Amino acid sequence: MGSEVIVVPIIFLTIAAISISYFYLRYRERSTIIEKGLTPEQMLALYDKKRDPLLMLKIGVVVFFFGLGMGIGMLIEEYTGHEAWVPFLIFTLTGLGFIVAFYLSKRFEKSDM
């Protein structure tokens, strides 16, 4: 019962912080665009340049490695009884996922050019 009491406010605060950050940064970006006096066509061109066509690939690779780290960590914890394997493998394999996603995106960007 004690852990649920702590987890729910942390999840709520995390979601609130992410939402507030998103809307604040979007507001600041739009304010900057208005201050520069860009036309609607220039704004659309700026937004089209900012889009990353490989974003879903990168997210998928990182999420895959995160899940792999959690799954392997839980299996090793089950067999050894040491709880340190789960966070160790989550962080290690998520970091590896970021590295793999970076190199995959570079490879796909080169093949498109």
Protein backbone atom coordinates (compact mmCIF):
# COMPACT_ATOMS: atom_id res chain seq x y z
CA MET A 1 0.00 0.00 0.00
CA GLY A 2 2.84 2.40 0.77
CA SER A 3 4.40 2.39 -2.70
CA GLU A 4 1.11 3.19 -4.48
CA VAL A 5 0.72 6.32 -2.38
CA ILE A 6 4.08 7.63 -3.63
CA VAL A 7 3.82 6.48 -7.27
CA VAL A 8 0.50 8.15 -8.11
CA PRO A 9 1.60 11.72 -7.21
CA ILE A 10 4.92 11.22 -9.00
CA ILE A 11 3.13 10.11 -12.16
CA PHE A 12 0.70 13.03 -11.92
CA LEU A 13 3.51 15.55 -11.35
CA THR A 14 5.51 14.12 -14.25
CA ILE A 15 2.57 14.36 -16.65
CA ALA A 16 1.81 17.90 -15.44
CA ALA A 17 5.45 19.00 -15.84
CA ILE A 18 5.66 17.58 -19.36
CA SER A 19 2.37 19.22 -20.37
CA ILE A 20 3.31 22.61 -18.94
CA SER A 21 6.74 22.44 -20.59
CA TYR A 22 5.23 21.54 -23.96
CA PHE A 23 2.71 24.38 -23.95
CA TYR A 24 5.22 26.92 -22.62
CA LEU A 25 7.84 26.03 -25.23
CA ARG A 26 5.23 26.08 -28.01
CA TYR A 27 4.10 29.53 -26.82
CA ARG A 28 7.70 30.81 -26.76
CA GLU A 29 8.37 29.43 -30.24
CA ARG A 30 5.28 31.07 -31.70
CA SER A 31 6.07 34.36 -29.94
CA THR A 32 9.55 34.34 -31.46
CA ILE A 33 8.14 33.66 -34.92
CA ILE A 34 5.67 36.54 -34.56
CA GLU A 35 8.41 38.88 -33.31
CA LYS A 36 10.53 38.07 -36.38
CA GLY A 37 7.58 38.90 -38.61
CA LEU A 38 7.55 35.73 -40.68
CA THR A 39 4.78 35.14 -43.20
CA PRO A 40 2.53 32.07 -42.88
CA GLU A 41 4.36 30.44 -45.82
CA GLN A 42 7.71 30.97 -44.14
CA MET A 43 6.33 29.55 -40.89
CA LEU A 44 5.11 26.41 -42.70
CA ALA A 45 8.50 26.01 -44.37
CA LEU A 46 10.19 26.36 -40.97
CA TYR A 47 7.94 23.70 -39.42
CA ASP A 48 8.46 21.34 -42.36
CA LYS A 49 12.23 21.65 -41.94
CA LYS A 50 11.97 20.85 -38.24
CA ARG A 51 10.12 17.55 -38.75
CA ASP A 52 12.26 14.47 -38.38
CA PRO A 53 11.10 11.73 -40.74
CA LEU A 54 13.02 9.14 -38.73
CA LEU A 55 11.56 10.10 -35.35
CA MET A 56 9.34 7.02 -35.03
CA LEU A 57 12.26 4.75 -35.94
CA LYS A 58 14.39 6.34 -33.23
CA ILE A 59 11.62 6.09 -30.63
CA GLY A 60 10.95 2.48 -31.59
CA VAL A 61 14.60 1.49 -31.23
CA VAL A 62 14.93 3.17 -27.83
CA VAL A 63 11.67 1.69 -26.52
CA PHE A 64 12.70 -1.76 -27.79
CA PHE A 65 16.03 -1.60 -25.96
CA PHE A 66 14.30 -0.25 -22.82
CA GLY A 67 11.89 -3.19 -22.83
CA LEU A 68 14.72 -5.61 -23.55
CA GLY A 69 16.70 -4.22 -20.61
CA MET A 70 13.72 -4.45 -18.29
CA GLY A 71 12.86 -7.99 -19.39
CA ILE A 72 16.40 -9.32 -19.13
CA GLY A 73 16.90 -7.51 -15.83
CA MET A 74 13.74 -9.04 -14.36
CA LEU A 75 14.78 -12.51 -15.54
CA ILE A 76 18.25 -12.17 -14.03
CA GLU A 77 16.74 -10.78 -10.81
CA GLU A 78 14.42 -13.78 -10.64
CA TYR A 79 17.32 -16.23 -10.95
CA THR A 80 19.91 -14.41 -8.83
CA GLY A 81 17.76 -12.50 -6.33
CA HIS A 82 19.80 -9.29 -6.78
CA GLU A 83 17.54 -6.30 -7.46
CA ALA A 84 20.35 -4.17 -8.91
CA TRP A 85 20.18 -5.92 -12.29
CA VAL A 86 16.90 -4.32 -13.37
CA PRO A 87 17.93 -0.63 -13.19
CA PHE A 88 21.44 -1.44 -14.40
CA LEU A 89 20.20 -3.18 -17.54
CA ILE A 90 17.43 -0.65 -18.15
CA PHE A 91 19.89 2.25 -18.17
CA THR A 92 22.59 0.36 -20.04
CA LEU A 93 20.37 -1.00 -22.80
CA THR A 94 18.41 2.25 -23.14
CA GLY A 95 21.70 4.06 -23.64
CA LEU A 96 22.69 1.44 -26.19
CA GLY A 97 19.31 2.00 -27.86
CA PHE A 98 20.03 5.72 -28.19
CA ILE A 99 23.40 4.94 -29.76
CA VAL A 100 21.87 2.42 -32.20
CA ALA A 101 19.08 4.88 -33.09
CA PHE A 102 21.66 7.59 -33.78
CA TYR A 103 23.69 5.42 -36.13
CA LEU A 104 20.58 4.04 -37.85
CA SER A 105 19.29 7.55 -38.50
CA LYS A 106 22.68 8.59 -39.89
CA ARG A 107 22.68 5.55 -42.18
CA PHE A 108 19.15 6.28 -43.46
CA GLU A 109 19.95 9.99 -43.93
CA LYS A 110 22.99 9.11 -46.07
CA SER A 111 21.02 6.65 -48.19
CA ASP A 112 18.34 9.29 -48.91
CA MET A 113 20.85 11.83 -50.22
